[in-house]
């Protein structure tokens, strides 16, 4: 049976887990931007629709 201490531990673990997932997602996004900039001359997050460098299919 769960008590108040279990709830505190659960909340702490859930918060840390969410923070870790957020950090991992941010790191992956940053790495993808750097790779895209290296390959196509502009970061993926530039969001310039007229720039062909933002398309992964550009050759």
PDB file of N, CA and C in Angstrom:
ATOM      1  N   UNK A   1       0.835  -1.175   0.000  1.00  0.00           N
ATOM      2  CA  UNK A   1       0.000   0.000   0.000  1.00  0.00           C
ATOM      3  C   UNK A   1       0.889   1.250   0.000  1.00  0.00           C
ATOM      4  N   UNK A   2       0.517   2.220  -0.815  1.00  0.00           N
ATOM      5  CA  UNK A   2       1.314   3.441  -0.926  1.00  0.00           C
ATOM      6  C   UNK A   2       1.004   4.398   0.215  1.00  0.00           C
ATOM      7  N   UNK A   3       2.034   5.095   0.651  1.00  0.00           N
ATOM      8  CA  UNK A   3       1.833   6.120   1.671  1.00  0.00           C
ATOM      9  C   UNK A   3       2.386   7.445   1.160  1.00  0.00           C
ATOM     10  N   UNK A   4       2.409   8.452   1.992  1.00  0.00           N
ATOM     11  CA  UNK A   4       2.846   9.779   1.552  1.00  0.00           C
ATOM     12  C   UNK A   4       4.312   9.801   1.124  1.00  0.00           C
ATOM     13  N   UNK A   5       5.150   8.952   1.724  1.00  0.00           N
ATOM     14  CA  UNK A   5       6.563   8.917   1.345  1.00  0.00           C
ATOM     15  C   UNK A   5       6.739   8.316  -0.043  1.00  0.00           C
ATOM     16  N   UNK A   6       5.968   7.289  -0.334  1.00  0.00           N
ATOM     17  CA  UNK A   6       6.015   6.712  -1.675  1.00  0.00           C
ATOM     18  C   UNK A   6       5.598   7.741  -2.716  1.00  0.00           C
ATOM     19  N   UNK A   7       4.575   8.522  -2.408  1.00  0.00           N
ATOM     20  CA  UNK A   7       4.122   9.554  -3.334  1.00  0.00           C
ATOM     21  C   UNK A   7       5.205  10.605  -3.560  1.00  0.00           C
ATOM     22  N   UNK A   8       5.907  10.998  -2.505  1.00  0.00           N
ATOM     23  CA  UNK A   8       6.985  11.987  -2.638  1.00  0.00           C
ATOM     24  C   UNK A   8       8.111  11.438  -3.510  1.00  0.00           C
ATOM     25  N   UNK A   9       8.470  10.189  -3.285  1.00  0.00           N
ATOM     26  CA  UNK A   9       9.531   9.560  -4.084  1.00  0.00           C
ATOM     27  C   UNK A   9       9.086   9.453  -5.542  1.00  0.00           C
ATOM     28  N   UNK A  10       7.842   9.037  -5.748  1.00  0.00           N
ATOM     29  CA  UNK A  10       7.314   8.909  -7.107  1.00  0.00           C
ATOM     30  C   UNK A  10       7.334  10.257  -7.829  1.00  0.00           C
ATOM     31  N   UNK A  11       6.894  11.312  -7.164  1.00  0.00           N
ATOM     32  CA  UNK A  11       6.883  12.640  -7.775  1.00  0.00           C
ATOM     33  C   UNK A  11       8.302  13.101  -8.112  1.00  0.00           C
ATOM     34  N   UNK A  12       9.247  12.837  -7.217  1.00  0.00           N
ATOM     35  CA  UNK A  12      10.637  13.233  -7.457  1.00  0.00           C
ATOM     36  C   UNK A  12      11.217  12.475  -8.647  1.00  0.00           C
ATOM     37  N   UNK A  13      10.966  11.178  -8.718  1.00  0.00           N
ATOM     38  CA  UNK A  13      11.471  10.385  -9.838  1.00  0.00           C
ATOM     39  C   UNK A  13      10.822  10.815 -11.147  1.00  0.00           C
ATOM     40  N   UNK A  14       9.535  11.083 -11.100  1.00  0.00           N
ATOM     41  CA  UNK A  14       8.835  11.497 -12.308  1.00  0.00           C
ATOM     42  C   UNK A  14       9.377  12.829 -12.811  1.00  0.00           C
ATOM     43  N   UNK A  15       9.645  13.743 -11.898  1.00  0.00           N
ATOM     44  CA  UNK A  15      10.178  15.049 -12.282  1.00  0.00           C
ATOM     45  C   UNK A  15      11.572  14.898 -12.900  1.00  0.00           C
ATOM     46  N   UNK A  16      12.426  14.120 -12.277  1.00  0.00           N
ATOM     47  CA  UNK A  16      13.778  13.914 -12.811  1.00  0.00           C
ATOM     48  C   UNK A  16      13.731  13.222 -14.163  1.00  0.00           C
ATOM     49  N   UNK A  17      12.845  12.242 -14.304  1.00  0.00           N
ATOM     50  CA  UNK A  17      12.731  11.510 -15.561  1.00  0.00           C
ATOM     51  C   UNK A  17      12.298  12.449 -16.682  1.00  0.00           C
ATOM     52  N   UNK A  18      11.312  13.302 -16.400  1.00  0.00           N
ATOM     53  CA  UNK A  18      10.848  14.254 -17.411  1.00  0.00           C
ATOM     54  C   UNK A  18      11.958  15.244 -17.761  1.00  0.00           C
ATOM     55  N   UNK A  19      12.704  15.688 -16.768  1.00  0.00           N
ATOM     56  CA  UNK A  19      13.815  16.606 -17.027  1.00  0.00           C
ATOM     57  C   UNK A  19      14.897  15.956 -17.864  1.00  0.00           C
ATOM     58  N   UNK A  20      15.190  14.697 -17.584  1.00  0.00           N
ATOM     59  CA  UNK A  20      16.202  13.978 -18.363  1.00  0.00           C
ATOM     60  C   UNK A  20      15.751  13.778 -19.806  1.00  0.00           C
ATOM     61  N   UNK A  21      14.478  13.436 -19.996  1.00  0.00           N
ATOM     62  CA  UNK A  21      13.969  13.271 -21.360  1.00  0.00           C
ATOM     63  C   UNK A  21      14.031  14.589 -22.125  1.00  0.00           C
ATOM     64  N   UNK A  22      13.707  15.678 -21.452  1.00  0.00           N
ATOM     65  CA  UNK A  22      13.765  16.989 -22.091  1.00  0.00           C
ATOM     66  C   UNK A  22      15.201  17.324 -22.497  1.00  0.00           C
ATOM     67  N   UNK A  23      16.152  17.033 -21.626  1.00  0.00           N
ATOM     68  CA  UNK A  23      17.560  17.309 -21.927  1.00  0.00           C
ATOM     69  C   UNK A  23      18.040  16.463 -23.104  1.00  0.00           C
ATOM     70  N   UNK A  24      17.629  15.201 -23.143  1.00  0.00           N
ATOM     71  CA  UNK A  24      18.009  14.320 -24.252  1.00  0.00           C
ATOM     72  C   UNK A  24      17.404  14.828 -25.560  1.00  0.00           C
ATOM     73  N   UNK A  25      16.136  15.207 -25.531  1.00  0.00           N
ATOM     74  CA  UNK A  25      15.481  15.716 -26.739  1.00  0.00           C
ATOM     75  C   UNK A  25      16.152  16.996 -27.228  1.00  0.00           C
ATOM     76  N   UNK A  26      16.516  17.872 -26.313  1.00  0.00           N
ATOM     77  CA  UNK A  26      17.204  19.106 -26.701  1.00  0.00           C
ATOM     78  C   UNK A  26      18.568  18.814 -27.311  1.00  0.00           C
ATOM     79  N   UNK A  27      19.288  17.853 -26.747  1.00  0.00           N
ATOM     80  CA  UNK A  27      20.605  17.497 -27.271  1.00  0.00           C
ATOM     81  C   UNK A  27      20.493  16.896 -28.669  1.00  0.00           C
ATOM     82  N   UNK A  28      19.503  16.035 -28.874  1.00  0.00           N
ATOM     83  CA  UNK A  28      19.306  15.432 -30.192  1.00  0.00           C
ATOM     84  C   UNK A  28      18.924  16.507 -31.207  1.00  0.00           C
ATOM     85  N   UNK A  29      18.048  17.416 -30.815  1.00  0.00           N
ATOM     86  CA  UNK A  29      17.657  18.507 -31.709  1.00  0.00           C
ATOM     87  C   UNK A  29      18.830  19.388 -32.084  1.00  0.00           C
ATOM     88  N   UNK A  30      19.663  19.697 -31.116  1.00  0.00           N
ATOM     89  CA  UNK A  30      20.841  20.530 -31.381  1.00  0.00           C
ATOM     90  C   UNK A  30      21.812  19.812 -32.326  1.00  0.00           C
ATOM     91  N   UNK A  31      22.024  18.523 -32.098  1.00  0.00           N
ATOM     92  CA  UNK A  31      22.916  17.750 -32.969  1.00  0.00           C
ATOM     93  C   UNK A  31      22.354  17.682 -34.391  1.00  0.00           C
ATOM     94  N   UNK A  32      21.032  17.515 -34.513  1.00  0.00           N
ATOM     95  CA  UNK A  32      20.418  17.470 -35.840  1.00  0.00           C
ATOM     96  C   UNK A  32      20.578  18.809 -36.552  1.00  0.00           C
ATOM     97  N   UNK A  33      20.396  19.922 -35.826  1.00  0.00           N
ATOM     98  CA  UNK A  33      20.594  21.244 -36.424  1.00  0.00           C
ATOM     99  C   UNK A  33      22.020  21.412 -36.929  1.00  0.00           C
ATOM    100  N   UNK A  34      22.992  20.991 -36.134  1.00  0.00           N
ATOM    101  CA  UNK A  34      24.394  21.117 -36.545  1.00  0.00           C
ATOM    102  C   UNK A  34      24.684  20.264 -37.772  1.00  0.00           C
ATOM    103  N   UNK A  35      24.163  19.033 -37.794  1.00  0.00           N
ATOM    104  CA  UNK A  35      24.360  18.157 -38.947  1.00  0.00           C
ATOM    105  C   UNK A  35      23.710  18.755 -40.189  1.00  0.00           C
ATOM    106  N   UNK A  36      22.490  19.248 -40.053  1.00  0.00           N
ATOM    107  CA  UNK A  36      21.781  19.823 -41.188  1.00  0.00           C
ATOM    108  C   UNK A  36      22.512  21.058 -41.712  1.00  0.00           C
ATOM    109  N   UNK A  37      23.032  21.874 -40.801  1.00  0.00           N
ATOM    110  CA  UNK A  37      23.782  23.054 -41.221  1.00  0.00           C
ATOM    111  C   UNK A  37      25.058  22.654 -41.957  1.00  0.00           C
ATOM    112  N   UNK A  38      25.695  21.613 -41.494  1.00  0.00           N
ATOM    113  CA  UNK A  38      26.923  21.146 -42.140  1.00  0.00           C
ATOM    114  C   UNK A  38      26.640  20.594 -43.537  1.00  0.00           C
ATOM    115  N   UNK A  39      25.524  19.866 -43.685  1.00  0.00           N
ATOM    116  CA  UNK A  39      25.202  19.252 -44.969  1.00  0.00           C
ATOM    117  C   UNK A  39      24.577  20.221 -45.962  1.00  0.00           C
ATOM    118  N   UNK A  40      23.689  21.103 -45.489  1.00  0.00           N
ATOM    119  CA  UNK A  40      22.886  21.925 -46.390  1.00  0.00           C
ATOM    120  C   UNK A  40      23.115  23.426 -46.251  1.00  0.00           C
ATOM    121  N   UNK A  41      23.994  23.849 -45.359  1.00  0.00           N
ATOM    122  CA  UNK A  41      24.332  25.256 -45.253  1.00  0.00           C
ATOM    123  C   UNK A  41      23.428  26.096 -44.385  1.00  0.00           C
ATOM    124  N   UNK A  42      22.390  25.519 -43.825  1.00  0.00           N
ATOM    125  CA  UNK A  42      21.498  26.265 -42.934  1.00  0.00           C
ATOM    126  C   UNK A  42      20.947  25.309 -41.890  1.00  0.00           C
ATOM    127  N   UNK A  43      20.804  25.759 -40.659  1.00  0.00           N
ATOM    128  CA  UNK A  43      20.228  24.879 -39.641  1.00  0.00           C
ATOM    129  C   UNK A  43      18.765  24.577 -39.945  1.00  0.00           C
ATOM    130  N   UNK A  44      18.303  23.429 -39.512  1.00  0.00           N
ATOM    131  CA  UNK A  44      16.932  23.008 -39.753  1.00  0.00           C
ATOM    132  C   UNK A  44      15.947  23.998 -39.149  1.00  0.00           C
ATOM    133  N   UNK A  45      16.293  24.599 -38.033  1.00  0.00           N
ATOM    134  CA  UNK A  45      15.362  25.494 -37.352  1.00  0.00           C
ATOM    135  C   UNK A  45      15.368  26.903 -37.932  1.00  0.00           C
ATOM    136  N   UNK A  46      16.014  27.132 -39.078  1.00  0.00           N
ATOM    137  CA  UNK A  46      16.022  28.455 -39.698  1.00  0.00           C
ATOM    138  C   UNK A  46      14.620  28.842 -40.174  1.00  0.00           C
ATOM    139  N   UNK A  47      13.841  27.870 -40.586  1.00  0.00           N
ATOM    140  CA  UNK A  47      12.439  28.069 -40.972  1.00  0.00           C
ATOM    141  C   UNK A  47      12.246  29.096 -42.092  1.00  0.00           C
ATOM    142  N   UNK A  48      13.142  29.100 -43.035  1.00  0.00           N
ATOM    143  CA  UNK A  48      13.007  29.987 -44.180  1.00  0.00           C
ATOM    144  C   UNK A  48      12.432  29.167 -45.328  1.00  0.00           C
ATOM    145  N   UNK A  49      11.144  29.332 -45.659  1.00  0.00           N
ATOM    146  CA  UNK A  49      10.520  28.468 -46.668  1.00  0.00           C
ATOM    147  C   UNK A  49      11.095  28.649 -48.069  1.00  0.00           C
ATOM    148  N   UNK A  50      11.706  29.803 -48.359  1.00  0.00           N
ATOM    149  CA  UNK A  50      12.269  30.033 -49.689  1.00  0.00           C
ATOM    150  C   UNK A  50      13.677  29.483 -49.825  1.00  0.00           C
ATOM    151  N   UNK A  51      14.269  29.092 -48.720  1.00  0.00           N
ATOM    152  CA  UNK A  51      15.638  28.591 -48.736  1.00  0.00           C
ATOM    153  C   UNK A  51      15.631  27.096 -49.039  1.00  0.00           C
ATOM    154  N   UNK A  52      16.205  26.711 -50.154  1.00  0.00           N
ATOM    155  CA  UNK A  52      16.237  25.297 -50.521  1.00  0.00           C
ATOM    156  C   UNK A  52      17.104  24.483 -49.576  1.00  0.00           C
ATOM    157  N   UNK A  53      17.937  25.167 -48.797  1.00  0.00           N
ATOM    158  CA  UNK A  53      18.819  24.456 -47.874  1.00  0.00           C
ATOM    159  C   UNK A  53      18.045  23.808 -46.741  1.00  0.00           C
ATOM    160  N   UNK A  54      16.808  24.234 -46.507  1.00  0.00           N
ATOM    161  CA  UNK A  54      16.026  23.664 -45.419  1.00  0.00           C
ATOM    162  C   UNK A  54      15.359  22.352 -45.798  1.00  0.00           C
ATOM    163  N   UNK A  55      15.448  21.966 -47.053  1.00  0.00           N
ATOM    164  CA  UNK A  55      14.798  20.729 -47.479  1.00  0.00           C
ATOM    165  C   UNK A  55      15.804  19.585 -47.467  1.00  0.00           C
ATOM    166  N   UNK A  56      15.412  18.490 -46.868  1.00  0.00           N
ATOM    167  CA  UNK A  56      16.312  17.342 -46.802  1.00  0.00           C
ATOM    168  C   UNK A  56      16.538  16.714 -48.174  1.00  0.00           C
ATOM    169  N   UNK A  57      15.647  16.984 -49.117  1.00  0.00           N
ATOM    170  CA  UNK A  57      15.766  16.367 -50.439  1.00  0.00           C
ATOM    171  C   UNK A  57      16.645  17.172 -51.381  1.00  0.00           C
ATOM    172  N   UNK A  58      17.209  18.283 -50.929  1.00  0.00           N
ATOM    173  CA  UNK A  58      18.069  19.113 -51.774  1.00  0.00           C
ATOM    174  C   UNK A  58      19.319  18.335 -52.176  1.00  0.00           C
ATOM    175  N   UNK A  59      19.678  18.425 -53.432  1.00  0.00           N
ATOM    176  CA  UNK A  59      20.893  17.750 -53.905  1.00  0.00           C
ATOM    177  C   UNK A  59      21.868  18.735 -54.449  1.00  0.00           C
TER     178      UNK A  59
END
